[in-house]
């Protein structure tokens, strides 16, 4: 209607004697001239598409999954939207004109045999003897109804073609789904590594304290102290993981995730759980890029957690080497009997998420990770390339100072 009224105002200014508001012929001309501006609006305004999609969902009962979401950003989507908008207005104009004029005319035709003044040709009606008038009225109503139904059915078929997602829309949707999935996997890995290691250590410490509570109260007291420190660290790391969610929301995140600088504290908590950890570091971890240092910390944390969960307090040898811009991590611990079976089960696809998380972290940085049991020894080997100058603050200073230690 706005486009028709605009053209109806412009035509008399251009053509002398034209009267689109009263002359039926000029009304058809104005209606035809209003379609190109409507198509131009659909081409230039991206928000036309979401408005039309909402109308199609409500009026044509087209499933939402067949229609695109959001504004038409590409020119291909805009051209399709413009074509749809033009077809919509064309069908709507025809149906609107018929529904405004046909029902009154049909009523007059229905009562024509019973209204003598209407049977005069001076009123503009043809002479329709007998029941021809009512039949013509019924036919006119049927034509109006059929036209409205046909226009709706046609638009319903055209909507998925013209308002459906373009290849660019499908690619953007796939990228959004991939980004959401990557975020979910990242958060799952962080939660698994941060909380899983702490719970494993706390379980062993609590079990040891329970067994010696009467015989060695001092050891039980130290175990309870270690549980307190471990849970405090776990709460801090959990707050860090939740900070990632706050960062996704655009708010300030919590403290940065721990890196190799926090390795001594991690080894201390693990030793307090009864695990004898022999750690050696070659090279300067401070030279690693922060992202590599953080990933290495999580990998070591998960490796120690796996040892705690699957084989208990057994000796663990940890070796980190930084050489020629590459970080290698080697972790070994003995596995026998039921412990070997549990560790092998964790290595199978679907048997656990820790080793898969380690492999994902390494792969994201362009490295690789392998884990297998051989000759009674479980060996985890990780290579992380791409190490570069660390930012201010030295992400791995603490690891350099960890040196060699045995608990």
Protein backbone atom coordinates (compact mmCIF):
# COMPACT_ATOMS: atom_id res chain seq x y z
CA UNK A 1 0.00 0.00 0.00
CA UNK A 2 2.74 2.63 0.72
CA UNK A 3 4.35 2.00 -2.67
CA UNK A 4 0.96 2.19 -4.43
CA UNK A 5 0.08 5.48 -2.70
CA UNK A 6 3.48 6.93 -3.57
CA UNK A 7 3.08 6.05 -7.25
CA UNK A 8 -0.54 7.28 -7.19
CA UNK A 9 0.73 10.68 -6.11
CA UNK A 10 3.58 10.81 -8.62
CA UNK A 11 1.64 9.70 -11.74
CA UNK A 12 -0.70 12.75 -11.88
CA UNK A 13 2.36 14.99 -11.66
CA UNK A 14 3.86 13.30 -14.70
CA UNK A 15 0.82 12.44 -16.82
CA UNK A 16 -1.91 15.01 -17.41
CA UNK A 17 -5.43 13.78 -16.71
CA UNK A 18 -4.29 10.64 -14.90
CA UNK A 19 -6.35 9.83 -11.80
CA UNK A 20 -5.18 6.58 -10.13
CA UNK A 21 -7.51 7.16 -7.19
CA UNK A 22 -10.72 7.14 -9.26
CA UNK A 23 -9.94 5.64 -12.65
CA UNK A 24 -9.71 1.83 -12.57
CA UNK A 25 -7.37 1.73 -15.55
CA UNK A 26 -4.91 4.08 -13.92
CA UNK A 27 -5.19 2.09 -10.70
CA UNK A 28 -3.83 -0.96 -12.52
CA UNK A 29 -1.06 1.18 -14.02
CA UNK A 30 -0.16 2.56 -10.58
CA UNK A 31 -0.16 -0.94 -9.12
CA UNK A 32 2.25 -2.17 -11.81
CA UNK A 33 4.51 0.84 -11.36
CA UNK A 34 4.62 0.26 -7.56
CA UNK A 35 6.26 -3.16 -7.91
CA UNK A 36 9.77 -1.98 -9.02
CA UNK A 37 10.18 0.32 -5.97
CA UNK A 38 9.08 -2.58 -3.77
CA UNK A 39 11.73 -4.82 -5.36
CA UNK A 40 14.33 -2.09 -4.82
CA UNK A 41 13.39 -1.90 -1.13
CA UNK A 42 13.83 -5.65 -0.78
CA UNK A 43 17.23 -5.38 -2.46
CA UNK A 44 18.58 -2.49 -0.37
CA UNK A 45 17.19 -3.22 3.10
CA UNK A 46 18.50 -6.46 4.69
CA UNK A 47 15.81 -6.40 7.39
CA UNK A 48 13.10 -7.10 4.84
CA UNK A 49 13.95 -10.80 4.94
CA UNK A 50 13.34 -11.42 8.69
CA UNK A 51 10.03 -9.54 8.43
CA UNK A 52 8.94 -11.66 5.49
CA UNK A 53 10.13 -14.86 7.17
CA UNK A 54 8.00 -14.06 10.22
CA UNK A 55 4.99 -13.46 7.96
CA UNK A 56 5.55 -16.73 6.10
CA UNK A 57 5.80 -18.72 9.32
CA UNK A 58 2.53 -17.26 10.56
CA UNK A 59 0.46 -17.22 7.37
CA UNK A 60 1.84 -20.02 5.19
CA UNK A 61 2.73 -22.57 7.90
CA UNK A 62 6.18 -23.15 6.41
CA UNK A 63 8.52 -25.05 8.80
CA UNK A 64 11.10 -22.78 10.39
CA UNK A 65 14.01 -25.05 9.42
CA UNK A 66 13.30 -24.36 5.73
CA UNK A 67 13.67 -20.60 6.14
CA UNK A 68 16.73 -18.44 6.72
CA UNK A 69 17.39 -16.59 9.93
CA UNK A 70 18.55 -13.02 10.29
CA UNK A 71 19.01 -10.21 7.77
CA UNK A 72 19.98 -10.82 4.16
CA UNK A 73 23.65 -9.84 4.17
CA UNK A 74 24.88 -11.17 0.84
CA UNK A 75 23.71 -9.81 -2.50
CA UNK A 76 22.50 -13.26 -3.53
CA UNK A 77 20.22 -13.37 -0.48
CA UNK A 78 19.04 -9.81 -1.16
CA UNK A 79 18.14 -10.60 -4.77
CA UNK A 80 16.10 -13.59 -3.67
CA UNK A 81 14.44 -11.50 -0.97
CA UNK A 82 13.60 -8.78 -3.50
CA UNK A 83 12.04 -11.36 -5.85
CA UNK A 84 10.00 -12.82 -3.01
CA UNK A 85 8.90 -9.39 -1.77
CA UNK A 86 7.72 -8.48 -5.26
CA UNK A 87 5.80 -11.75 -5.65
CA UNK A 88 4.27 -11.30 -2.21
CA UNK A 89 3.05 -7.78 -2.97
CA UNK A 90 1.78 -8.81 -6.41
CA UNK A 91 -0.25 -11.70 -5.01
CA UNK A 92 -1.36 -9.62 -2.05
CA UNK A 93 -2.50 -6.78 -4.30
CA UNK A 94 -4.54 -9.09 -6.54
CA UNK A 95 -6.17 -10.87 -3.57
CA UNK A 96 -6.81 -7.58 -1.76
CA UNK A 97 -8.46 -6.04 -4.81
CA UNK A 98 -10.68 -9.07 -5.31
CA UNK A 99 -11.68 -9.32 -1.64
CA UNK A 100 -12.62 -5.63 -1.59
CA UNK A 101 -14.71 -5.64 -4.76
CA UNK A 102 -15.94 -9.19 -5.35
CA UNK A 103 -17.94 -9.87 -2.11
CA UNK A 104 -20.20 -6.76 -2.46
CA UNK A 105 -20.77 -7.57 -6.15
CA UNK A 106 -21.56 -11.20 -5.30
CA UNK A 107 -24.12 -10.13 -2.69
CA UNK A 108 -25.83 -7.89 -5.20
CA UNK A 109 -25.92 -10.75 -7.72
CA UNK A 110 -27.37 -13.11 -5.12
CA UNK A 111 -30.27 -10.79 -4.32
CA UNK A 112 -30.72 -9.60 -7.90
CA UNK A 113 -33.92 -11.67 -8.56
CA UNK A 114 -35.53 -10.25 -5.41
CA UNK A 115 -34.50 -6.59 -5.78
CA UNK A 116 -36.42 -5.00 -8.64
CA UNK A 117 -34.48 -1.68 -8.65
CA UNK A 118 -31.23 -3.57 -9.24
CA UNK A 119 -32.49 -5.30 -12.36
CA UNK A 120 -32.35 -2.12 -14.40
CA UNK A 121 -29.38 -1.83 -16.72
CA UNK A 122 -29.07 1.81 -15.70
CA UNK A 123 -27.50 0.60 -12.48
CA UNK A 124 -24.68 -0.91 -14.48
CA UNK A 125 -25.72 -4.56 -14.08
CA UNK A 126 -26.43 -6.80 -17.07
CA UNK A 127 -29.80 -8.43 -17.39
CA UNK A 128 -29.51 -11.88 -15.79
CA UNK A 129 -32.89 -13.58 -15.87
CA UNK A 130 -33.89 -16.26 -13.38
CA UNK A 131 -31.20 -17.85 -11.33
CA UNK A 132 -28.29 -16.66 -13.47
CA UNK A 133 -27.69 -13.73 -11.09
CA UNK A 134 -27.30 -15.88 -7.93
CA UNK A 135 -25.20 -18.42 -9.83
CA UNK A 136 -22.92 -15.64 -11.05
CA UNK A 137 -22.63 -14.37 -7.47
CA UNK A 138 -21.68 -17.80 -6.19
CA UNK A 139 -19.15 -18.20 -8.98
CA UNK A 140 -17.63 -14.83 -8.12
CA UNK A 141 -17.27 -15.85 -4.47
CA UNK A 142 -15.74 -19.17 -5.51
CA UNK A 143 -13.30 -17.36 -7.79
CA UNK A 144 -12.24 -15.03 -4.98
CA UNK A 145 -11.78 -17.90 -2.55
CA UNK A 146 -9.86 -19.99 -5.07
CA UNK A 147 -7.62 -17.09 -5.99
CA UNK A 148 -6.78 -16.42 -2.33
CA UNK A 149 -6.09 -20.12 -1.70
CA UNK A 150 -4.01 -20.49 -4.86
CA UNK A 151 -1.96 -17.38 -4.07
CA UNK A 152 -1.26 -18.68 -0.55
CA UNK A 153 -0.28 -22.12 -1.83
CA UNK A 154 1.99 -20.62 -4.48
CA UNK A 155 3.70 -18.33 -1.98
CA UNK A 156 4.09 -21.25 0.42
CA UNK A 157 5.96 -23.19 -2.29
CA UNK A 158 8.11 -20.21 -3.24
CA UNK A 159 9.03 -19.27 0.32
CA UNK A 160 11.62 -22.05 0.96
CA UNK A 161 13.20 -21.34 -2.43
CA UNK A 162 13.44 -17.56 -2.12
CA UNK A 163 13.60 -17.13 1.67
CA UNK A 164 15.55 -20.28 2.45
CA UNK A 165 19.20 -20.15 3.49
CA UNK A 166 21.71 -19.42 0.78
CA UNK A 167 25.06 -21.26 0.63
CA UNK A 168 26.60 -18.29 2.46
CA UNK A 169 23.93 -18.57 5.17
CA UNK A 170 24.56 -22.30 5.55
CA UNK A 171 28.31 -21.70 5.80
CA UNK A 172 27.81 -18.99 8.43
CA UNK A 173 25.48 -21.28 10.42
CA UNK A 174 28.00 -24.12 10.21
CA UNK A 175 30.75 -21.80 11.44
CA UNK A 176 28.58 -20.69 14.37
CA UNK A 177 27.82 -24.30 15.30
CA UNK A 178 31.51 -25.19 15.04
CA UNK A 179 32.46 -22.24 17.25
CA UNK A 180 29.82 -23.20 19.83
CA UNK A 181 31.00 -26.80 19.80
CA UNK A 182 34.64 -25.74 20.16
CA UNK A 183 33.72 -23.55 23.13
CA UNK A 184 31.80 -26.37 24.78
CA UNK A 185 34.67 -28.80 24.26
CA UNK A 186 37.18 -26.30 25.61
CA UNK A 187 35.13 -25.71 28.74
CA UNK A 188 34.62 -29.46 29.18
CA UNK A 189 38.38 -30.05 28.96
CA UNK A 190 39.10 -27.29 31.47
CA UNK A 191 36.55 -28.63 33.94
CA UNK A 192 37.75 -32.20 33.51
CA UNK A 193 41.39 -31.29 34.03
CA UNK A 194 40.88 -28.85 36.90
CA UNK A 195 38.29 -30.75 38.93
CA UNK A 196 39.20 -34.33 37.99
CA UNK A 197 42.79 -34.08 39.24
CA UNK A 198 41.72 -32.47 42.51
CA UNK A 199 39.05 -35.07 43.20
CA UNK A 200 41.46 -37.92 42.49
CA UNK A 201 44.05 -36.46 44.88
CA UNK A 202 41.43 -35.79 47.57
CA UNK A 203 40.09 -39.35 47.26
CA UNK A 204 43.53 -40.87 47.86
CA UNK A 205 44.33 -38.48 50.69
CA UNK A 206 41.02 -39.13 52.42
CA UNK A 207 41.44 -42.91 52.04
CA UNK A 208 44.94 -42.81 53.51
CA UNK A 209 43.79 -40.66 56.42
CA UNK A 210 40.94 -43.04 57.17
CA UNK A 211 43.24 -46.06 57.25
CA UNK A 212 45.78 -44.54 59.67
CA UNK A 213 43.47 -42.29 61.69
CA UNK A 214 43.92 -44.33 64.89
CA UNK A 215 47.47 -45.55 64.36
CA UNK A 216 49.07 -42.31 63.09
CA UNK A 217 46.96 -39.21 63.91
CA UNK A 218 49.77 -36.90 62.79
CA UNK A 219 49.76 -38.39 59.28
CA UNK A 220 45.97 -38.11 59.19
CA UNK A 221 46.28 -34.45 60.19
CA UNK A 222 48.75 -33.81 57.37
CA UNK A 223 46.43 -35.59 54.92
CA UNK A 224 43.51 -33.42 55.99
CA UNK A 225 45.67 -30.33 55.56
CA UNK A 226 46.59 -31.50 52.06
CA UNK A 227 42.89 -32.06 51.29
CA UNK A 228 42.15 -28.50 52.40
CA UNK A 229 44.89 -27.06 50.19
CA UNK A 230 43.91 -29.22 47.22
CA UNK A 231 40.25 -28.24 47.41
CA UNK A 232 41.18 -24.57 47.77
CA UNK A 233 43.28 -24.79 44.63
CA UNK A 234 40.45 -26.65 42.86
CA UNK A 235 38.00 -23.87 43.76
CA UNK A 236 40.44 -21.29 42.38
CA UNK A 237 40.82 -23.24 39.13
CA UNK A 238 37.06 -23.70 38.91
CA UNK A 239 36.68 -19.93 39.20
CA UNK A 240 39.18 -19.63 36.35
CA UNK A 241 37.09 -21.95 34.18
CA UNK A 242 33.94 -20.02 35.02
CA UNK A 243 35.88 -16.91 34.06
CA UNK A 244 36.04 -18.32 30.54
CA UNK A 245 32.24 -18.24 30.49
CA UNK A 246 32.25 -14.66 31.70
CA UNK A 247 34.73 -13.80 28.97
CA UNK A 248 32.36 -15.34 26.41
CA UNK A 249 29.62 -13.04 27.75
CA UNK A 250 31.82 -9.99 27.25
CA UNK A 251 32.46 -9.39 30.96
CA UNK A 252 35.80 -9.42 32.72
CA UNK A 253 37.16 -12.95 33.10
CA UNK A 254 38.68 -14.28 36.29
CA UNK A 255 42.39 -14.84 36.84
CA UNK A 256 44.27 -16.36 33.89
CA UNK A 257 44.48 -20.13 33.62
CA UNK A 258 47.51 -21.70 35.36
CA UNK A 259 50.63 -22.26 33.29
CA UNK A 260 53.91 -24.07 33.86
CA UNK A 261 54.81 -21.43 36.42
CA UNK A 262 52.33 -23.19 38.74
CA UNK A 263 53.89 -26.63 38.15
CA UNK A 264 55.71 -26.79 41.54
CA UNK A 265 52.42 -26.33 43.38
CA UNK A 266 50.77 -29.02 41.25
CA UNK A 267 53.61 -31.45 41.96
CA UNK A 268 53.40 -30.64 45.66
CA UNK A 269 49.68 -31.44 45.80
CA UNK A 270 50.26 -34.68 43.91
CA UNK A 271 53.06 -35.73 46.26
CA UNK A 272 50.83 -34.94 49.23
CA UNK A 273 48.40 -37.52 47.83
CA UNK A 274 51.10 -40.17 48.22
CA UNK A 275 52.48 -40.18 44.67
CA UNK A 276 56.26 -40.13 44.37
CA UNK A 277 56.85 -37.73 41.47
CA UNK A 278 60.33 -37.37 39.98
CA UNK A 279 60.30 -34.26 37.79
CA UNK A 280 63.07 -32.98 35.57
CA UNK A 281 63.02 -29.88 33.38
CA UNK A 282 65.50 -29.17 30.57
CA UNK A 283 65.61 -25.77 29.00
CA UNK A 284 63.80 -22.58 29.90
CA UNK A 285 60.04 -22.89 30.12
CA UNK A 286 59.86 -19.10 30.37
CA UNK A 287 60.63 -18.98 26.66
CA UNK A 288 57.39 -20.73 25.80
CA UNK A 289 54.44 -18.84 24.45
CA UNK A 290 51.69 -18.43 27.11
CA UNK A 291 49.22 -20.58 25.19
CA UNK A 292 51.76 -23.42 25.00
CA UNK A 293 52.64 -23.08 28.68
CA UNK A 294 48.99 -23.24 29.73
CA UNK A 295 48.32 -26.27 27.54
CA UNK A 296 51.42 -28.02 28.90
CA UNK A 297 50.26 -27.44 32.48
CA UNK A 298 46.85 -28.95 31.75
CA UNK A 299 48.47 -31.93 30.00
CA UNK A 300 50.73 -32.61 32.99
CA UNK A 301 47.79 -32.16 35.36
CA UNK A 302 45.68 -34.65 33.41
CA UNK A 303 48.55 -37.14 33.18
CA UNK A 304 49.04 -37.05 36.96
CA UNK A 305 45.30 -37.30 37.47
CA UNK A 306 45.15 -40.38 35.27
CA UNK A 307 47.88 -42.01 37.33
CA UNK A 308 45.99 -41.24 40.55
CA UNK A 309 42.66 -42.49 39.23
CA UNK A 310 43.76 -45.65 37.49
CA UNK A 311 46.79 -47.04 39.34
CA UNK A 312 46.88 -45.14 42.64
CA UNK A 313 49.97 -43.87 44.47
CA UNK A 314 52.70 -45.27 42.21
CA UNK A 315 56.02 -43.59 41.30
CA UNK A 316 55.70 -41.18 38.36
CA UNK A 317 58.58 -39.85 36.28
CA UNK A 318 57.97 -36.53 34.54
CA UNK A 319 60.39 -35.05 32.06
CA UNK A 320 59.93 -31.68 30.28
CA UNK A 321 62.35 -30.49 27.64
CA UNK A 322 62.40 -27.21 25.74
CA UNK A 323 64.72 -27.41 22.74
CA UNK A 324 64.77 -25.59 19.41
CA UNK A 325 61.36 -24.00 19.88
CA UNK A 326 59.67 -27.28 20.77
CA UNK A 327 58.36 -28.62 24.06
CA UNK A 328 58.28 -32.36 24.74
CA UNK A 329 56.55 -33.91 27.73
CA UNK A 330 57.24 -37.48 28.79
CA UNK A 331 55.42 -39.07 31.71
CA UNK A 332 55.87 -42.67 32.83
CA UNK A 333 54.40 -44.76 35.63
CA UNK A 334 54.25 -48.52 36.27
CA UNK A 335 50.97 -50.34 35.68
CA UNK A 336 50.25 -53.90 36.69
CA UNK A 337 47.20 -56.13 37.07
CA UNK A 338 43.88 -54.33 37.48
CA UNK A 339 45.59 -50.95 37.17
CA UNK A 340 46.83 -51.83 33.69
CA UNK A 341 43.35 -52.96 32.66
CA UNK A 342 41.80 -49.73 33.91
CA UNK A 343 44.43 -47.60 32.18
CA UNK A 344 44.01 -49.50 28.90
CA UNK A 345 40.25 -49.04 29.14
CA UNK A 346 40.75 -45.31 29.55
CA UNK A 347 42.83 -45.27 26.36
CA UNK A 348 40.07 -46.81 24.27
CA UNK A 349 37.68 -44.49 22.40
CA UNK A 350 34.75 -43.82 24.69
CA UNK A 351 36.59 -45.21 27.72
CA UNK A 352 37.50 -41.77 29.07
CA UNK A 353 37.83 -38.12 28.08
CA UNK A 354 41.21 -37.28 29.64
CA UNK A 355 43.48 -38.76 26.98
CA UNK A 356 41.20 -37.45 24.25
CA UNK A 357 41.45 -34.01 25.83
CA UNK A 358 45.25 -34.24 25.87
CA UNK A 359 45.26 -35.22 22.20
CA UNK A 360 42.90 -32.33 21.38
CA UNK A 361 45.09 -29.80 23.16
CA UNK A 362 48.19 -31.02 21.33
CA UNK A 363 46.43 -31.09 17.97
CA UNK A 364 45.09 -27.55 18.37
CA UNK A 365 48.67 -26.32 18.79
CA UNK A 366 49.92 -28.37 15.86
CA UNK A 367 51.53 -31.05 17.99
CA UNK A 368 50.82 -34.67 18.76
CA UNK A 369 50.25 -36.94 21.76
CA UNK A 370 50.64 -40.70 22.20
CA UNK A 371 49.79 -42.87 25.18
CA UNK A 372 50.23 -46.63 25.59
CA UNK A 373 51.27 -49.31 28.07
CA UNK A 374 54.34 -51.38 27.24
CA UNK A 375 56.32 -53.80 29.38
CA UNK A 376 54.36 -52.84 32.48
CA UNK A 377 54.98 -49.09 32.04
CA UNK A 378 52.37 -46.55 31.00
CA UNK A 379 54.00 -43.90 28.85
CA UNK A 380 52.48 -40.55 27.82
CA UNK A 381 54.47 -38.59 25.24
CA UNK A 382 53.43 -35.15 23.99
CA UNK A 383 55.11 -32.83 21.53
CA UNK A 384 54.05 -29.17 21.32
CA UNK A 385 55.67 -27.17 18.51
CA UNK A 386 55.32 -23.47 17.97
CA UNK A 387 56.91 -22.33 21.23
CA UNK A 388 57.90 -18.68 21.02
CA UNK A 389 58.85 -15.72 23.21
CA UNK A 390 56.56 -15.52 26.22
CA UNK A 391 54.78 -12.34 27.16
CA UNK A 392 55.81 -10.22 30.09
CA UNK A 393 55.61 -12.12 33.31
CA UNK A 394 57.23 -15.37 32.16
CA UNK A 395 54.59 -18.07 32.06
CA UNK A 396 57.04 -20.82 32.91
CA UNK A 397 59.35 -19.27 35.52
CA UNK A 398 58.11 -21.55 38.28
CA UNK A 399 58.65 -24.66 36.21
CA UNK A 400 62.26 -23.68 35.60
CA UNK A 401 62.75 -23.53 39.35
CA UNK A 402 61.01 -26.85 39.95
CA UNK A 403 64.16 -28.68 38.94
CA UNK A 404 64.37 -32.29 39.94
CA UNK A 405 62.46 -33.61 42.89
CA UNK A 406 61.18 -36.83 44.30
CA UNK A 407 58.31 -37.11 46.73
